Amino acid sequence: MRTVLVTGLGGAGRTTVAAATAAAAARRGRRTLLLSAGPGHALAAPLGLPAPPTATPAETAPGLWATRVDSAADFRAELLELQRRAAPALDLLGASPLADEELTELPGSAQFALLRAIAREAARTPAWDLVVVDLPPLAEATDLLALPERLRRYLRRLLPPERQAARALRPVLAQLAGVPMPAQWLYETAARRDGELAAVEALLAGPGTTVRVVAEPSPSATDALRAARPGLALYGLRVEGLVANRVLPAHSADPWLSDLAARQEKCLDEWAAWDEWGGDPVLCRIPHLGHDPRGADDLDRLGVPAERDGAFLGPSDTGVTDLRADEGLLTWTIALPGAAKEDIGLVRRGRELVLTVGPFRRIVPLPSALRRCTVSGAGLTDGVLTVRFTPDPGLWPAQG
């Protein structure tokens, strides 16, 4: 199964491009699911549907199913289930249980609902050949796609899985310590959450998942895309292309439109030359139809490609790529296209490397070989960060 994640700048037409991508795949005979986290009417309009899609996938055209995430219902269901599992502890505290009808969705719950929906549909691999996900705007989507790795790290630190083996000792420990030990349901809930997050993390890191970025050509869009590119690379997301939406005709009798089109062309020439985005033909130009696209015919006229074949722009994994025994060094290379040296920060913290690129931060577990080394230097060349490690004689076996 392939997964195409569509994001972009606010107001650039992400949902329309996602719908056009899914429709193009369905026309090629691919069983395609279009999953949206946005408002129902925003997805219904480009598909030409009389009513917004529901939380249950429904076929809207031959080979094309559409669904949207009902984050409010997801929040209520999750909170009620947590309340049910924690009922004994809540009873001891004298807590008054919450009813379904009094629950109101809290900020941040939409992100968790979307992640769960992506994991759920990924688990239904035989059902779909392609899943197209209409994501929030670029900055929010970048944080969202980094969330599974971050949350799994927090869970492992706060509720280490290996401590579950000592659950039989908790009553004794509780008496000795004078405080209650974590209940079994807490570890079970953490394990379930970790499994869900692991499924999403594996999907995002898998070779079949790519990101499609949508923007309308303008100087402000150029600045926003330059700032966002290193973050996508830092989190290991494969970018398959940059979609320039609402491109005006090159020649117009109207002086105002002609001037605007010329400025768009200047911007597009710059985008096509970007090494960090792959350059032309990865840059896909989508024409302005003169109106908001609505229905299958308009989506077809946009000419959005269903999937990109061939290599993607940037690896998803970081790791030891070069062992130079003659110099006694191990090097770790990380692709960071578009990054500037002054924006990069590196901190070794135990078995982890804290890597900062501008506003983006990722904490990467070090491979076992590098845990026995010290950081001896780093350098950024042609969008690739190379971190040099020197083996620690006290941790490596002596050579003899």
Protein backbone atom coordinates (compact mmCIF):
# COMPACT_ATOMS: atom_id res chain seq x y z
CA MET A 1 0.00 0.00 0.00
CA ARG A 2 1.14 3.54 -0.79
CA THR A 3 0.38 6.56 1.37
CA VAL A 4 0.57 10.15 0.12
CA LEU A 5 0.45 12.84 2.79
CA VAL A 6 -0.70 16.18 1.37
CA THR A 7 0.13 19.37 3.25
CA GLY A 8 1.14 22.89 2.33
CA LEU A 9 0.73 26.53 3.15
CA GLY A 10 -2.53 27.80 4.56
CA GLY A 11 -5.06 28.65 1.85
CA ALA A 12 -2.95 27.11 -0.93
CA GLY A 13 -5.55 24.47 -1.85
CA ARG A 14 -4.26 21.43 0.04
CA THR A 15 -7.65 19.72 0.19
CA THR A 16 -8.29 20.27 -3.51
CA VAL A 17 -4.88 18.82 -4.45
CA ALA A 18 -5.48 15.86 -2.11
CA ALA A 19 -8.86 15.22 -3.76
CA ALA A 20 -7.33 15.53 -7.24
CA THR A 21 -4.52 13.14 -6.28
CA ALA A 22 -7.00 10.54 -5.03
CA ALA A 23 -9.28 10.97 -8.06
CA ALA A 24 -6.35 10.54 -10.47
CA ALA A 25 -5.32 7.32 -8.72
CA ALA A 26 -8.86 5.97 -8.83
CA ARG A 27 -9.05 6.65 -12.58
CA ARG A 28 -5.90 4.51 -12.95
CA GLY A 29 -7.72 1.59 -11.34
CA ARG A 30 -6.25 2.01 -7.85
CA ARG A 31 -8.56 1.38 -4.88
CA THR A 32 -8.06 4.74 -3.20
CA LEU A 33 -9.10 6.19 0.14
CA LEU A 34 -9.15 9.95 0.70
CA LEU A 35 -8.87 10.72 4.43
CA SER A 36 -9.31 14.31 5.61
CA ALA A 37 -8.88 16.00 8.96
CA GLY A 38 -10.50 19.21 7.75
CA PRO A 39 -14.11 20.40 7.88
CA GLY A 40 -16.57 18.19 6.01
CA HIS A 41 -17.72 20.92 3.61
CA ALA A 42 -14.12 21.62 2.56
CA LEU A 43 -13.78 18.03 1.33
CA ALA A 44 -17.28 17.82 -0.14
CA ALA A 45 -16.78 20.85 -2.42
CA PRO A 46 -13.93 19.60 -4.67
CA LEU A 47 -15.46 16.11 -4.82
CA GLY A 48 -18.80 17.62 -5.87
CA LEU A 49 -20.67 15.85 -3.08
CA PRO A 50 -24.08 17.11 -1.86
CA ALA A 51 -23.16 16.36 1.77
CA PRO A 52 -19.90 16.10 3.72
CA PRO A 53 -18.29 12.65 3.96
CA THR A 54 -18.84 10.76 7.20
CA ALA A 55 -16.42 9.01 9.55
CA THR A 56 -17.21 5.75 7.72
CA PRO A 57 -15.54 5.47 4.26
CA ALA A 58 -18.08 5.76 1.45
CA GLU A 59 -17.50 5.28 -2.27
CA THR A 60 -17.90 8.65 -4.00
CA ALA A 61 -16.72 7.58 -7.46
CA PRO A 62 -15.59 4.30 -9.02
CA GLY A 63 -12.57 3.16 -7.02
CA LEU A 64 -12.57 6.25 -4.77
CA TRP A 65 -13.69 6.27 -1.14
CA ALA A 66 -13.76 9.35 1.07
CA THR A 67 -13.95 9.79 4.82
CA ARG A 68 -13.23 12.43 7.41
CA VAL A 69 -12.00 12.26 10.98
CA ASP A 70 -14.69 12.94 13.58
CA SER A 71 -12.33 14.17 16.29
CA ALA A 72 -15.13 15.04 18.72
CA ALA A 73 -16.57 11.51 18.65
CA ASP A 74 -13.07 10.05 18.88
CA PHE A 75 -12.29 12.19 21.93
CA ARG A 76 -15.47 11.12 23.73
CA ALA A 77 -14.91 7.44 22.99
CA GLU A 78 -11.29 7.53 24.15
CA LEU A 79 -12.01 9.44 27.36
CA LEU A 80 -14.93 7.19 28.30
CA GLU A 81 -12.77 4.10 27.72
CA LEU A 82 -9.99 5.55 29.88
CA GLN A 83 -12.53 6.38 32.56
CA ARG A 84 -13.86 2.81 32.46
CA ARG A 85 -10.39 1.32 32.84
CA ALA A 86 -9.50 3.66 35.69
CA ALA A 87 -12.82 3.21 37.51
CA PRO A 88 -11.35 1.49 40.63
CA ALA A 89 -8.80 4.26 41.18
CA LEU A 90 -11.37 6.97 40.50
CA ASP A 91 -13.80 5.38 42.97
CA LEU A 92 -11.11 5.45 45.68
CA LEU A 93 -10.64 9.16 45.02
CA GLY A 94 -14.37 9.78 45.18
CA ALA A 95 -14.46 11.03 41.61
CA SER A 96 -17.78 11.58 39.87
CA PRO A 97 -17.79 9.86 36.44
CA LEU A 98 -18.40 11.89 33.30
CA ALA A 99 -21.25 11.08 30.92
CA ASP A 100 -20.98 11.02 27.12
CA GLU A 101 -23.34 13.95 26.63
CA GLU A 102 -21.35 16.29 28.87
CA LEU A 103 -17.99 15.75 27.17
CA THR A 104 -16.63 18.55 25.00
CA GLU A 105 -13.60 18.10 22.78
CA LEU A 106 -10.40 19.64 24.13
CA PRO A 107 -7.70 21.43 22.07
CA GLY A 108 -5.14 19.00 20.68
CA SER A 109 -7.51 16.04 20.47
CA ALA A 110 -7.88 16.43 16.68
CA GLN A 111 -4.21 15.55 16.16
CA PHE A 112 -4.54 12.32 18.15
CA ALA A 113 -7.74 11.42 16.31
CA LEU A 114 -6.02 11.86 12.94
CA LEU A 115 -3.04 9.72 13.99
CA ARG A 116 -5.39 6.96 15.14
CA ALA A 117 -7.33 7.15 11.87
CA ILE A 118 -4.12 6.86 9.83
CA ALA A 119 -3.05 3.82 11.87
CA ARG A 120 -6.48 2.24 11.53
CA GLU A 121 -6.60 2.59 7.75
CA ALA A 122 -2.99 1.43 7.40
CA ALA A 123 -3.97 -1.75 9.21
CA ARG A 124 -6.59 -2.35 6.51
CA THR A 125 -3.88 -2.72 3.85
CA PRO A 126 -5.80 -5.21 1.64
CA ALA A 127 -8.68 -2.73 1.40
CA TRP A 128 -6.68 0.08 -0.23
CA ASP A 129 -3.96 0.40 -2.86
CA LEU A 130 -3.44 4.06 -1.98
CA VAL A 131 -4.39 6.24 0.99
CA VAL A 132 -4.27 10.00 0.43
CA VAL A 133 -4.31 12.02 3.66
CA ASP A 134 -5.37 15.66 3.64
CA LEU A 135 -3.21 17.08 6.44
CA PRO A 136 -3.35 20.45 8.26
CA PRO A 137 -1.10 23.36 7.12
CA LEU A 138 2.62 22.71 6.77
CA ALA A 139 3.92 23.90 10.16
CA GLU A 140 1.18 22.08 12.06
CA ALA A 141 1.53 18.97 9.89
CA THR A 142 5.29 18.81 10.48
CA ASP A 143 4.74 18.78 14.24
CA LEU A 144 1.94 16.25 13.87
CA LEU A 145 4.09 13.82 11.87
CA ALA A 146 6.86 14.10 14.48
CA LEU A 147 4.44 13.41 17.33
CA PRO A 148 4.44 9.57 17.35
CA GLU A 149 8.21 9.36 17.89
CA ARG A 150 8.10 12.00 20.62
CA LEU A 151 5.20 10.43 22.50
CA ARG A 152 6.74 6.95 22.37
CA ARG A 153 9.91 8.35 23.92
CA TYR A 154 7.90 9.98 26.72
CA LEU A 155 5.98 6.75 27.38
CA ARG A 156 9.18 4.70 27.56
CA ARG A 157 10.71 7.15 30.02
CA LEU A 158 7.67 7.56 32.26
CA LEU A 159 6.39 3.97 32.13
CA PRO A 160 9.31 1.70 31.16
CA PRO A 161 7.92 -1.55 29.67
CA GLU A 162 10.47 -3.65 31.56
CA ARG A 163 8.93 -2.59 34.88
CA GLN A 164 5.73 -4.42 34.03
CA ALA A 165 7.50 -7.66 34.95
CA ALA A 166 7.52 -6.56 38.59
CA ARG A 167 3.76 -6.08 38.82
CA ALA A 168 3.42 -8.99 41.30
CA LEU A 169 5.61 -7.04 43.73
CA ARG A 170 3.56 -3.85 43.64
CA PRO A 171 1.40 -4.59 46.71
CA VAL A 172 4.55 -5.27 48.75
CA LEU A 173 6.29 -2.17 47.37
CA ALA A 174 3.22 -0.10 48.12
CA GLN A 175 3.34 -1.15 51.78
CA LEU A 176 7.07 -0.47 52.03
CA ALA A 177 6.92 2.89 50.29
CA GLY A 178 3.66 3.99 51.84
CA VAL A 179 2.34 5.13 48.45
CA PRO A 180 0.26 3.27 45.86
CA MET A 181 2.13 1.74 42.93
CA PRO A 182 0.91 2.22 39.33
CA ALA A 183 -2.03 -0.06 38.57
CA GLN A 184 -1.91 -2.72 35.88
CA TRP A 185 -4.43 -0.83 33.74
CA LEU A 186 -1.99 2.07 33.49
CA TYR A 187 0.70 -0.14 31.97
CA GLU A 188 -1.84 -1.83 29.72
CA THR A 189 -3.08 1.55 28.49
CA ALA A 190 0.50 2.72 27.89
CA ALA A 191 1.27 -0.49 25.98
CA ARG A 192 -1.83 -0.03 23.82
CA ARG A 193 -0.96 3.57 23.09
CA ASP A 194 2.64 2.61 22.31
CA GLY A 195 1.39 0.00 19.84
CA GLU A 196 -0.82 2.55 18.08
CA LEU A 197 1.98 5.10 17.90
CA ALA A 198 4.44 2.46 16.71
CA ALA A 199 2.10 1.60 13.82
CA VAL A 200 1.92 5.24 12.72
CA GLU A 201 5.67 5.70 13.15
CA ALA A 202 6.37 2.61 11.03
CA LEU A 203 3.97 3.84 8.35
CA LEU A 204 5.60 7.29 8.19
CA ALA A 205 9.10 5.79 8.01
CA GLY A 206 8.12 3.13 5.48
CA PRO A 207 9.24 3.30 1.84
CA GLY A 208 5.64 3.60 0.63
CA THR A 209 4.87 6.89 2.40
CA THR A 210 5.66 10.27 0.84
CA VAL A 211 4.77 13.91 1.43
CA ARG A 212 3.34 16.23 -1.20
CA VAL A 213 3.71 19.96 -0.42
CA VAL A 214 1.27 22.49 -1.90
CA ALA A 215 1.92 26.23 -2.24
CA GLU A 216 0.72 29.14 -4.35
CA PRO A 217 3.68 30.90 -6.02
CA SER A 218 4.58 34.09 -4.16
CA PRO A 219 7.60 35.58 -2.33
CA SER A 220 6.03 34.83 1.07
CA ALA A 221 5.49 31.22 0.03
CA THR A 222 9.15 31.01 -0.98
CA ASP A 223 10.23 32.10 2.49
CA ALA A 224 7.86 29.67 4.21
CA LEU A 225 8.98 26.71 2.08
CA ARG A 226 12.66 27.44 2.66
CA ALA A 227 12.05 27.52 6.40
CA ALA A 228 10.04 24.28 6.40
CA ARG A 229 12.27 22.06 4.23
CA PRO A 230 14.92 21.23 6.89
CA GLY A 231 12.21 20.23 9.36
CA LEU A 232 10.69 17.69 6.99
CA ALA A 233 14.14 16.21 6.43
CA LEU A 234 15.02 16.21 10.13
CA TYR A 235 11.96 14.11 10.95
CA GLY A 236 12.80 11.66 8.18
CA LEU A 237 9.84 12.46 5.91
CA ARG A 238 10.20 11.64 2.21
CA VAL A 239 9.10 14.56 0.03
CA GLU A 240 7.92 13.42 -3.38
CA GLY A 241 7.20 16.79 -4.89
CA LEU A 242 6.30 20.45 -4.61
CA VAL A 243 2.91 21.38 -6.10
CA ALA A 244 2.53 24.95 -7.35
CA ASN A 245 -1.21 25.59 -7.27
CA ARG A 246 -3.34 28.20 -9.03
CA VAL A 247 -0.74 29.08 -11.66
CA LEU A 248 -2.05 31.85 -13.98
CA PRO A 249 -1.73 31.74 -17.79
CA ALA A 250 1.55 33.17 -19.01
CA HIS A 251 -0.09 35.65 -21.39
CA SER A 252 -3.09 37.83 -20.63
CA ALA A 253 -4.56 40.96 -22.19
CA ASP A 254 -5.24 42.30 -18.70
CA PRO A 255 -2.14 44.22 -17.50
CA TRP A 256 -2.80 43.37 -13.84
CA LEU A 257 -3.12 39.63 -14.53
CA SER A 258 -0.13 39.72 -16.86
CA ASP A 259 2.04 41.33 -14.17
CA LEU A 260 0.86 38.82 -11.54
CA ALA A 261 1.55 35.91 -13.91
CA ALA A 262 5.06 37.24 -14.57
CA ARG A 263 5.76 37.40 -10.85
CA GLN A 264 4.50 33.84 -10.47
CA GLU A 265 6.80 32.68 -13.27
CA LYS A 266 9.78 34.32 -11.61
CA CYS A 267 8.93 32.52 -8.39
CA LEU A 268 8.45 29.19 -10.19
CA ASP A 269 11.83 29.51 -11.90
CA GLU A 270 13.41 29.89 -8.47
CA TRP A 271 11.51 26.88 -7.10
CA ALA A 272 12.51 24.71 -10.05
CA ALA A 273 16.17 25.48 -9.37
CA TRP A 274 16.06 24.47 -5.70
CA ASP A 275 18.29 21.50 -5.10
CA GLU A 276 16.66 20.91 -1.72
CA TRP A 277 13.30 20.32 -3.40
CA GLY A 278 14.69 18.27 -6.25
CA GLY A 279 14.11 20.74 -9.05
CA ASP A 280 12.03 20.25 -12.19
CA PRO A 281 10.18 17.96 -13.02
CA VAL A 282 9.45 17.26 -9.34
CA LEU A 283 7.85 20.71 -9.34
CA CYS A 284 4.26 20.19 -10.49
CA ARG A 285 2.34 23.17 -11.88
CA ILE A 286 -1.44 23.21 -11.38
CA PRO A 287 -3.40 25.74 -13.48
CA HIS A 288 -5.84 28.27 -12.08
CA LEU A 289 -9.28 27.32 -13.43
CA GLY A 290 -10.79 30.74 -12.77
CA HIS A 291 -13.04 29.24 -10.10
CA ASP A 292 -12.86 26.84 -7.18
CA PRO A 293 -12.65 23.28 -8.57
CA ARG A 294 -15.80 21.27 -7.99
CA GLY A 295 -16.52 17.77 -9.22
CA ALA A 296 -14.68 15.10 -11.16
CA ASP A 297 -14.30 17.10 -14.38
CA ASP A 298 -12.59 20.03 -12.63
CA LEU A 299 -10.29 17.70 -10.71
CA ASP A 300 -9.32 16.01 -13.97
CA ARG A 301 -8.56 19.38 -15.61
CA LEU A 302 -6.07 20.19 -12.85
CA GLY A 303 -3.77 17.42 -14.10
CA VAL A 304 -2.50 16.43 -10.66
CA PRO A 305 -0.40 13.24 -10.93
CA ALA A 306 -1.64 10.30 -8.86
CA GLU A 307 1.73 9.14 -7.56
CA ARG A 308 5.33 9.93 -8.22
CA ASP A 309 7.44 7.06 -9.50
CA GLY A 310 11.15 6.72 -8.87
CA ALA A 311 13.37 8.13 -6.16
CA PHE A 312 12.01 10.44 -3.51
CA LEU A 313 13.60 13.62 -2.22
CA GLY A 314 15.52 12.71 0.87
CA PRO A 315 16.10 9.55 2.90
CA SER A 316 13.89 8.76 5.87
CA ASP A 317 16.55 7.09 8.00
CA THR A 318 19.66 8.30 9.72
CA GLY A 319 22.46 5.97 10.64
CA VAL A 320 26.09 4.99 10.44
CA THR A 321 26.98 5.28 6.77
CA ASP A 322 30.75 5.35 6.77
CA LEU A 323 33.30 3.53 8.91
CA ARG A 324 36.84 4.80 8.45
CA ALA A 325 38.95 2.43 10.51
CA ASP A 326 42.18 3.87 9.16
CA GLU A 327 41.41 7.16 10.89
CA GLY A 328 39.83 5.54 13.91
CA LEU A 329 36.56 7.42 13.28
CA LEU A 330 32.89 6.58 12.88
CA THR A 331 30.78 9.08 10.95
CA TRP A 332 27.04 9.55 11.07
CA THR A 333 25.47 11.39 8.14
CA ILE A 334 22.05 13.03 8.23
CA ALA A 335 20.46 14.63 5.15
CA LEU A 336 19.26 18.15 6.00
CA PRO A 337 18.54 19.88 2.67
CA GLY A 338 18.06 23.60 3.03
CA ALA A 339 19.64 23.80 6.48
CA ALA A 340 22.09 26.57 7.38
CA LYS A 341 25.13 25.98 9.58
CA GLU A 342 24.19 28.76 11.99
CA ASP A 343 20.80 27.11 12.64
CA ILE A 344 22.18 23.69 13.63
CA GLY A 345 22.73 22.62 17.23
CA LEU A 346 24.08 19.29 18.50
CA VAL A 347 24.02 17.99 22.07
CA ARG A 348 25.08 14.52 23.17
CA ARG A 349 22.84 13.33 26.01
CA GLY A 350 23.70 9.85 27.23
CA ARG A 351 22.57 7.39 24.58
CA GLU A 352 20.84 10.06 22.52
CA LEU A 353 21.76 12.90 20.20
CA VAL A 354 19.68 16.07 20.49
CA LEU A 355 19.66 17.64 17.02
CA THR A 356 18.22 21.13 16.49
CA VAL A 357 17.70 22.79 13.11
CA GLY A 358 16.16 26.24 13.49
CA PRO A 359 12.80 25.79 15.27
CA PHE A 360 12.86 22.00 14.79
CA ARG A 361 14.26 19.50 17.29
CA ARG A 362 14.64 15.75 17.18
CA ILE A 363 16.09 13.45 19.83
CA VAL A 364 17.67 10.49 18.04
CA PRO A 365 18.75 7.28 19.81
CA LEU A 366 22.37 6.50 19.01
CA PRO A 367 23.25 3.11 17.51
CA SER A 368 25.06 0.83 19.95
CA ALA A 369 28.44 1.42 18.29
CA LEU A 370 28.20 5.18 18.73
CA ARG A 371 27.19 4.91 22.39
CA ARG A 372 30.78 3.85 23.07
CA CYS A 373 32.17 6.94 21.37
CA THR A 374 32.58 10.62 22.02
CA VAL A 375 31.52 13.34 19.57
CA SER A 376 34.67 14.76 18.01
CA GLY A 377 33.19 17.17 15.48
CA ALA A 378 30.52 17.89 12.89
CA GLY A 379 30.17 19.64 9.55
CA LEU A 380 27.46 20.57 7.03
CA THR A 381 28.27 20.16 3.35
CA ASP A 382 25.79 20.30 0.44
CA GLY A 383 22.83 19.73 2.74
CA VAL A 384 24.34 16.73 4.52
CA LEU A 385 25.33 16.91 8.18
CA THR A 386 28.26 14.67 9.12
CA VAL A 387 28.83 13.97 12.80
CA ARG A 388 32.20 12.45 13.71
CA PHE A 389 32.62 10.06 16.63
CA THR A 390 35.85 8.88 18.24
CA PRO A 391 35.79 5.48 19.99
CA ASP A 392 36.22 5.75 23.76
CA PRO A 393 39.17 3.47 24.74
CA GLY A 394 37.55 2.77 28.07
CA LEU A 395 34.45 1.31 26.42
CA TRP A 396 35.97 -0.54 23.43
CA PRO A 397 37.87 -3.84 23.79
CA ALA A 398 41.62 -3.47 23.45
CA GLN A 399 43.13 -4.37 20.11
CA GLY A 400 45.94 -6.91 20.32
